[in-house]
Amino acid sequence: MTIHNWKEHKIEVRGYTLPKYLWMALSLKIVIDDKYTFESPKELEGLKSKVPFEVIEMGNTLKGALVTRHPVSTLLTRYKIFIDGIEVIKGKVTADNWYMLYGFFLFIGVGTYVVFSFT
């Protein structure tokens, strides 16, 4: 989880690995001022992701978007945050459940070892 402050707004970015594509898919969630939550679309668009969101600033609703930058991984994903088309924040986030990917690889490795050691 990464927290940013922008014009007295708290912008929290969280990442989660998903069981799609061998636990290598990443879902992003943005929480604005601990009230409004926006999530990645359910359909994955390759490795790049865009999460649209809104910020209420002095009664006006501003359109925003979090756009990932390469390389994208469960260990470290870099992103840019745009509000009204202007880049306001660059950051990075680690998936909160990053261990799922490595647990999966460990399970496959141990299973493979056991299968081939008895044949």
Protein backbone atom coordinates (compact mmCIF):
# COMPACT_ATOMS: atom_id res chain seq x y z
CA MET A 1 0.00 0.00 0.00
CA THR A 2 1.25 3.45 -0.92
CA ILE A 3 -0.25 6.72 0.34
CA HIS A 4 0.01 10.07 -1.43
CA ASN A 5 -1.28 13.49 -0.50
CA TRP A 6 -2.56 15.83 -3.21
CA LYS A 7 -4.20 19.18 -2.39
CA GLU A 8 -5.27 17.95 1.04
CA HIS A 9 -6.68 14.71 -0.40
CA LYS A 10 -5.39 11.34 0.69
CA ILE A 11 -4.85 8.98 -2.26
CA GLU A 12 -4.12 5.40 -1.26
CA VAL A 13 -2.97 2.86 -3.86
CA ARG A 14 -3.17 -0.87 -3.17
CA GLY A 15 -2.22 -3.84 -5.31
CA TYR A 16 -3.37 -7.46 -5.16
CA THR A 17 -2.26 -10.50 -7.15
CA LEU A 18 -5.05 -12.47 -8.81
CA PRO A 19 -5.24 -16.21 -9.50
CA LYS A 20 -5.41 -15.49 -13.24
CA TYR A 21 -2.35 -16.31 -15.30
CA LEU A 22 -0.59 -18.30 -12.52
CA TRP A 23 -0.94 -15.57 -9.86
CA MET A 24 0.84 -13.08 -12.10
CA ALA A 25 -2.11 -10.77 -12.75
CA LEU A 26 -2.30 -7.59 -10.70
CA SER A 27 -5.42 -5.74 -9.60
CA LEU A 28 -5.12 -2.16 -8.38
CA LYS A 29 -7.39 -0.33 -5.98
CA ILE A 30 -7.47 3.42 -5.28
CA VAL A 31 -9.06 4.81 -2.11
CA ILE A 32 -9.69 8.57 -2.05
CA ASP A 33 -9.98 10.26 1.37
CA ASP A 34 -10.86 6.91 3.01
CA LYS A 35 -14.34 7.21 1.42
CA TYR A 36 -14.34 6.40 -2.28
CA THR A 37 -12.91 3.20 -3.74
CA PHE A 38 -12.08 2.56 -7.38
CA GLU A 39 -10.73 -0.74 -8.74
CA SER A 40 -9.06 -2.12 -11.87
CA PRO A 41 -11.45 -3.29 -14.57
CA LYS A 42 -12.28 -6.99 -14.35
CA GLU A 43 -10.88 -7.58 -17.85
CA LEU A 44 -7.10 -7.45 -18.01
CA GLU A 45 -5.60 -5.44 -20.85
CA GLY A 46 -2.24 -7.17 -21.00
CA LEU A 47 0.39 -5.95 -18.58
CA LYS A 48 -0.69 -2.33 -18.68
CA SER A 49 -3.62 -1.24 -16.56
CA LYS A 50 -5.65 1.94 -16.20
CA VAL A 51 -7.88 2.67 -13.22
CA PRO A 52 -10.25 5.63 -13.67
CA PHE A 53 -11.34 7.50 -10.54
CA GLU A 54 -12.86 10.79 -9.39
CA VAL A 55 -11.82 13.39 -6.83
CA ILE A 56 -14.24 15.96 -5.42
CA GLU A 57 -12.38 19.27 -5.13
CA MET A 58 -14.32 22.29 -3.79
CA GLY A 59 -17.62 20.94 -5.08
CA ASN A 60 -16.24 20.02 -8.51
CA THR A 61 -15.75 16.45 -9.66
CA LEU A 62 -12.32 15.99 -11.24
CA LYS A 63 -11.65 12.96 -13.46
CA GLY A 64 -8.49 11.04 -12.70
CA ALA A 65 -6.67 7.91 -13.81
CA LEU A 66 -3.91 5.71 -12.48
CA VAL A 67 -1.84 4.32 -15.35
CA THR A 68 0.78 1.63 -14.78
CA ARG A 69 4.26 1.94 -16.26
CA HIS A 70 6.50 -0.91 -17.37
CA PRO A 71 7.75 -3.13 -15.88
CA VAL A 72 4.62 -4.39 -14.12
CA SER A 73 4.99 -7.17 -11.57
CA THR A 74 3.53 -8.35 -8.29
CA LEU A 75 6.67 -7.31 -6.46
CA LEU A 76 6.87 -3.76 -7.75
CA THR A 77 4.57 -1.88 -10.10
CA ARG A 78 5.28 1.69 -11.07
CA TYR A 79 2.47 4.06 -11.98
CA LYS A 80 1.51 7.63 -12.75
CA ILE A 81 -1.60 9.39 -11.49
CA PHE A 82 -3.30 11.93 -13.73
CA ILE A 83 -6.01 14.34 -12.61
CA ASP A 84 -7.80 16.34 -15.30
CA GLY A 85 -5.20 15.12 -17.78
CA ILE A 86 -2.25 16.48 -15.80
CA GLU A 87 0.33 14.15 -14.25
CA VAL A 88 0.35 14.89 -10.52
CA ILE A 89 2.00 11.84 -8.91
CA LYS A 90 4.51 9.12 -9.78
CA GLY A 91 4.70 6.15 -7.47
CA LYS A 92 5.13 2.44 -6.99
CA VAL A 93 3.26 -0.25 -5.13
CA THR A 94 3.88 -3.84 -4.08
CA ALA A 95 0.99 -6.30 -4.11
CA ASP A 96 -0.32 -6.85 -0.57
CA ASN A 97 -0.46 -10.61 -1.20
CA TRP A 98 2.79 -10.91 -3.22
CA TYR A 99 3.62 -14.14 -1.41
CA MET A 100 0.86 -15.96 -3.33
CA LEU A 101 2.97 -15.98 -6.50
CA TYR A 102 6.00 -17.42 -4.74
CA GLY A 103 3.88 -19.89 -2.79
CA PHE A 104 2.49 -21.13 -6.08
CA PHE A 105 5.99 -21.55 -7.55
CA LEU A 106 7.15 -23.35 -4.39
CA PHE A 107 4.16 -25.71 -4.59
CA ILE A 108 4.94 -26.50 -8.24
CA GLY A 109 8.65 -26.97 -7.49
CA VAL A 110 8.09 -29.32 -4.55
CA GLY A 111 5.45 -31.27 -6.48
CA THR A 112 7.77 -31.67 -9.45
CA TYR A 113 10.61 -32.81 -7.20
CA VAL A 114 8.42 -35.40 -5.49
CA VAL A 115 7.08 -36.75 -8.80
CA PHE A 116 10.48 -37.10 -10.43
CA SER A 117 12.27 -38.43 -7.35
CA PHE A 118 9.98 -41.47 -7.20
CA THR A 119 10.08 -42.33 -10.89
